[in-house]
Structure formats: structure tokens, C-alpha cells
C-alpha atoms as a PDB file:
ATOM      1  CA  VAL A   1      26.428   7.940  29.065  1.00  0.00           C
ATOM      2  CA  GLN A   2      23.578   8.092  31.556  1.00  0.00           C
ATOM      3  CA  LEU A   3      21.762  11.350  32.217  1.00  0.00           C
ATOM      4  CA  GLN A   4      19.881  12.170  35.393  1.00  0.00           C
ATOM      5  CA  ALA A   5      17.537  15.149  35.458  1.00  0.00           C
ATOM      6  CA  SER A   6      16.411  16.720  38.706  1.00  0.00           C
ATOM      7  CA  GLY A   7      15.028  19.931  40.156  1.00  0.00           C
ATOM      8  CA  GLY A   8      11.436  19.813  39.018  1.00  0.00           C
ATOM      9  CA  GLY A   9       8.513  20.517  41.275  1.00  0.00           C
ATOM     10  CA  LEU A  10       5.378  22.536  41.858  1.00  0.00           C
ATOM     11  CA  MET A  11       5.656  26.296  41.557  1.00  0.00           C
ATOM     12  CA  GLN A  12       3.267  29.214  41.360  1.00  0.00           C
ATOM     13  CA  ALA A  13       3.183  31.339  38.240  1.00  0.00           C
ATOM     14  CA  GLY A  14       5.934  33.919  38.285  1.00  0.00           C
ATOM     15  CA  GLY A  15       8.272  31.741  40.290  1.00  0.00           C
ATOM     16  CA  SER A  16      11.590  30.173  39.397  1.00  0.00           C
ATOM     17  CA  LEU A  17      13.080  26.706  39.253  1.00  0.00           C
ATOM     18  CA  ARG A  18      16.489  25.401  38.258  1.00  0.00           C
ATOM     19  CA  LEU A  19      16.758  22.033  36.604  1.00  0.00           C
ATOM     20  CA  SER A  20      19.979  20.049  36.628  1.00  0.00           C
ATOM     21  CA  CYS A  21      21.126  17.258  34.379  1.00  0.00           C
ATOM     22  CA  GLY A  22      24.052  15.249  35.654  1.00  0.00           C
ATOM     23  CA  ALA A  23      25.922  12.750  33.525  1.00  0.00           C
ATOM     24  CA  SER A  24      27.711   9.548  34.425  1.00  0.00           C
ATOM     25  CA  GLY A  25      29.537   6.942  32.408  1.00  0.00           C
ATOM     26  CA  GLY A  26      31.017   9.513  30.060  1.00  0.00           C
ATOM     27  CA  ARG A  27      31.985  13.124  29.615  1.00  0.00           C
ATOM     28  CA  ILE A  28      29.492  15.591  28.178  1.00  0.00           C
ATOM     29  CA  SER A  29      32.178  18.034  27.054  1.00  0.00           C
ATOM     30  CA  ASP A  30      32.001  16.662  23.488  1.00  0.00           C
ATOM     31  CA  TYR A  31      28.213  16.684  23.325  1.00  0.00           C
ATOM     32  CA  PHE A  32      25.660  19.240  22.303  1.00  0.00           C
ATOM     33  CA  MET A  33      23.239  19.330  25.220  1.00  0.00           C
ATOM     34  CA  ALA A  34      19.574  20.267  25.200  1.00  0.00           C
ATOM     35  CA  TRP A  35      16.392  20.406  27.193  1.00  0.00           C
ATOM     36  CA  PHE A  36      13.075  19.274  25.774  1.00  0.00           C
ATOM     37  CA  ARG A  37       9.654  19.163  27.355  1.00  0.00           C
ATOM     38  CA  GLN A  38       6.484  17.190  26.887  1.00  0.00           C
ATOM     39  CA  ALA A  39       3.138  18.477  28.061  1.00  0.00           C
ATOM     40  CA  PRO A  40       0.243  16.053  28.638  1.00  0.00           C
ATOM     41  CA  GLY A  41      -1.161  14.821  25.356  1.00  0.00           C
ATOM     42  CA  LYS A  42       1.457  16.631  23.303  1.00  0.00           C
ATOM     43  CA  GLU A  43       4.674  15.790  21.530  1.00  0.00           C
ATOM     44  CA  ARG A  44       8.065  16.339  23.084  1.00  0.00           C
ATOM     45  CA  LYS A  45       9.455  19.704  21.982  1.00  0.00           C
ATOM     46  CA  PHE A  46      12.743  21.520  22.059  1.00  0.00           C
ATOM     47  CA  VAL A  47      13.193  24.113  24.801  1.00  0.00           C
ATOM     48  CA  ALA A  48      16.865  25.093  24.836  1.00  0.00           C
ATOM     49  CA  GLY A  49      20.228  23.884  23.582  1.00  0.00           C
ATOM     50  CA  ILE A  50      23.868  24.681  24.264  1.00  0.00           C
ATOM     51  CA  SER A  51      27.027  24.074  22.275  1.00  0.00           C
ATOM     52  CA  LYS A  52      29.919  21.958  23.547  1.00  0.00           C
ATOM     53  CA  SER A  53      31.873  24.907  24.878  1.00  0.00           C
ATOM     54  CA  GLY A  54      28.816  26.818  26.003  1.00  0.00           C
ATOM     55  CA  ASP A  55      29.457  29.753  23.694  1.00  0.00           C
ATOM     56  CA  ARG A  56      26.226  29.332  21.771  1.00  0.00           C
ATOM     57  CA  THR A  57      22.712  28.820  23.068  1.00  0.00           C
ATOM     58  CA  ASP A  58      19.354  28.408  21.356  1.00  0.00           C
ATOM     59  CA  TYR A  59      15.875  28.813  22.756  1.00  0.00           C
ATOM     60  CA  GLU A  60      12.346  28.088  21.716  1.00  0.00           C
ATOM     61  CA  ASP A  61      10.564  31.396  21.225  1.00  0.00           C
ATOM     62  CA  SER A  62       8.166  31.070  24.155  1.00  0.00           C
ATOM     63  CA  VAL A  63      10.995  30.718  26.699  1.00  0.00           C
ATOM     64  CA  LYS A  64      13.410  33.334  25.380  1.00  0.00           C
ATOM     65  CA  ASP A  65      14.248  35.960  28.018  1.00  0.00           C
ATOM     66  CA  ARG A  66      12.823  33.686  30.748  1.00  0.00           C
ATOM     67  CA  PHE A  67      14.925  30.507  30.589  1.00  0.00           C
ATOM     68  CA  THR A  68      18.708  30.190  30.564  1.00  0.00           C
ATOM     69  CA  ILE A  69      20.631  27.055  29.677  1.00  0.00           C
ATOM     70  CA  SER A  70      24.172  26.651  30.922  1.00  0.00           C
ATOM     71  CA  ARG A  71      26.723  23.929  31.389  1.00  0.00           C
ATOM     72  CA  ASP A  72      29.641  23.076  33.611  1.00  0.00           C
ATOM     73  CA  ASN A  73      31.760  20.572  31.745  1.00  0.00           C
ATOM     74  CA  ALA A  74      34.076  20.112  34.702  1.00  0.00           C
ATOM     75  CA  GLU A  75      31.075  19.045  36.784  1.00  0.00           C
ATOM     76  CA  ASN A  76      29.564  17.094  33.866  1.00  0.00           C
ATOM     77  CA  THR A  77      26.288  18.932  34.393  1.00  0.00           C
ATOM     78  CA  VAL A  78      23.850  21.022  32.390  1.00  0.00           C
ATOM     79  CA  TYR A  79      21.364  23.435  33.918  1.00  0.00           C
ATOM     80  CA  LEU A  80      18.130  25.106  32.933  1.00  0.00           C
ATOM     81  CA  GLN A  81      17.257  28.196  34.947  1.00  0.00           C
ATOM     82  CA  MET A  82      13.574  28.924  34.524  1.00  0.00           C
ATOM     83  CA  ASN A  83      12.232  32.304  35.628  1.00  0.00           C
ATOM     84  CA  ALA A  84       8.835  33.963  35.323  1.00  0.00           C
ATOM     85  CA  LEU A  85       7.211  30.554  35.043  1.00  0.00           C
ATOM     86  CA  LYS A  86       3.803  30.295  33.416  1.00  0.00           C
ATOM     87  CA  PRO A  87       1.137  27.575  33.639  1.00  0.00           C
ATOM     88  CA  GLU A  88       1.877  26.692  30.017  1.00  0.00           C
ATOM     89  CA  ASP A  89       5.402  25.697  31.078  1.00  0.00           C
ATOM     90  CA  THR A  90       3.885  22.693  32.853  1.00  0.00           C
ATOM     91  CA  ALA A  91       5.461  19.578  31.379  1.00  0.00           C
ATOM     92  CA  VAL A  92       7.907  16.774  31.926  1.00  0.00           C
ATOM     93  CA  TYR A  93      11.350  18.175  31.163  1.00  0.00           C
ATOM     94  CA  TYR A  94      14.006  15.961  29.613  1.00  0.00           C
ATOM     95  CA  CYS A  95      17.682  16.596  29.125  1.00  0.00           C
ATOM     96  CA  GLY A  96      19.354  15.116  26.098  1.00  0.00           C
ATOM     97  CA  ALA A  97      22.784  14.772  24.523  1.00  0.00           C
ATOM     98  CA  GLU A  98      23.770  14.752  20.863  1.00  0.00           C
ATOM     99  CA  ARG A  99      27.044  12.847  20.902  1.00  0.00           C
ATOM    100  CA  LYS A 100      28.631  14.296  17.748  1.00  0.00           C
ATOM    101  CA  GLY A 101      28.331  17.813  19.082  1.00  0.00           C
ATOM    102  CA  TYR A 102      25.992  18.963  16.327  1.00  0.00           C
ATOM    103  CA  ARG A 103      23.444  21.616  17.143  1.00  0.00           C
ATOM    104  CA  THR A 104      19.885  20.360  16.866  1.00  0.00           C
ATOM    105  CA  THR A 105      16.333  21.135  17.909  1.00  0.00           C
ATOM    106  CA  MET A 106      14.988  17.730  16.895  1.00  0.00           C
ATOM    107  CA  ASP A 107      14.399  15.020  19.446  1.00  0.00           C
ATOM    108  CA  LEU A 108      15.118  12.363  16.820  1.00  0.00           C
ATOM    109  CA  ALA A 109      18.710  13.606  16.698  1.00  0.00           C
ATOM    110  CA  ILE A 110      19.270  13.136  20.430  1.00  0.00           C
ATOM    111  CA  ASP A 111      21.357  10.092  21.319  1.00  0.00           C
ATOM    112  CA  TYR A 112      20.992   9.996  25.084  1.00  0.00           C
ATOM    113  CA  TRP A 113      18.049  10.983  27.272  1.00  0.00           C
ATOM    114  CA  GLY A 114      17.558  11.568  30.946  1.00  0.00           C
ATOM    115  CA  GLN A 115      14.499  10.165  32.670  1.00  0.00           C
ATOM    116  CA  GLY A 116      12.553  13.436  32.866  1.00  0.00           C
ATOM    117  CA  THR A 117      11.531  15.651  35.731  1.00  0.00           C
ATOM    118  CA  GLN A 118       8.028  17.030  36.246  1.00  0.00           C
ATOM    119  CA  VAL A 119       7.492  20.782  36.357  1.00  0.00           C
ATOM    120  CA  THR A 120       4.029  21.967  37.345  1.00  0.00           C
ATOM    121  CA  VAL A 121       3.153  25.660  37.383  1.00  0.00           C
ATOM    122  CA  SER A 122      -0.081  26.731  39.030  1.00  0.00           C
ATOM    123  CA  SER A 123      -1.918  29.919  38.173  1.00  0.00           C
END
């Protein structure tokens, strides 16, 4: 399956962005889906994850109550709604799929990656 992330851009602190991750070449309905991010000079880190059916979500502590992950299996797409953005949210954001449907926060467990989309938040 190929993943395509989009929706990044430049935003002032306090603003909102919605990232999308569309899939082709396969159905994501059997996959655990997640968003990770990588800031300059830092390792890629887990941001949010969502179960196959969408009934369970997980968030990294710094984005709880600000970011919301969701999925539309019929549209083969996963979203990340980001509100109250902060400069420290600046990073390249990647969507990923774990093909066995197992919940994970580890990038090593991700089987498929999108190409990344840049999010820059100015103060």
C-alpha cells in the first residue's frame, strides 16, 4: 500500500491545520494507523494512533487535547486535526500503517510510510 500525506504548511501559533493521509494499492481498514513527526536534528516520534475501527485512539502527551486523529475507512484516509498549534509542533509529519492491526507507538513497528508533510509553526 502507498500512503500520501498532505495538508502541511506554515501557520502562526494558535492556529489549526488538518493533515490527511490517503492510501492507494490496498485498503487501510485492516491496519492500525498512526502519525509520527520528526523535528530537525531529532528522532522521529509517535504523535497519535488509531485502531482499525477507530474506536481507540492514543496520543503523545504533548498533543493531547489539541490534536485529534480520525479515519474514514470507506475513503481509505486518515486525518490529523491539529489545533492550538505551538512552535514546538514544527516538524515533518509522517503517516504510517501497521499491517497486522496491532497498536504501536514505535516507528520500527510501522510497515508502510507516507512521504511526510512539513508543518511549520511561527511564534
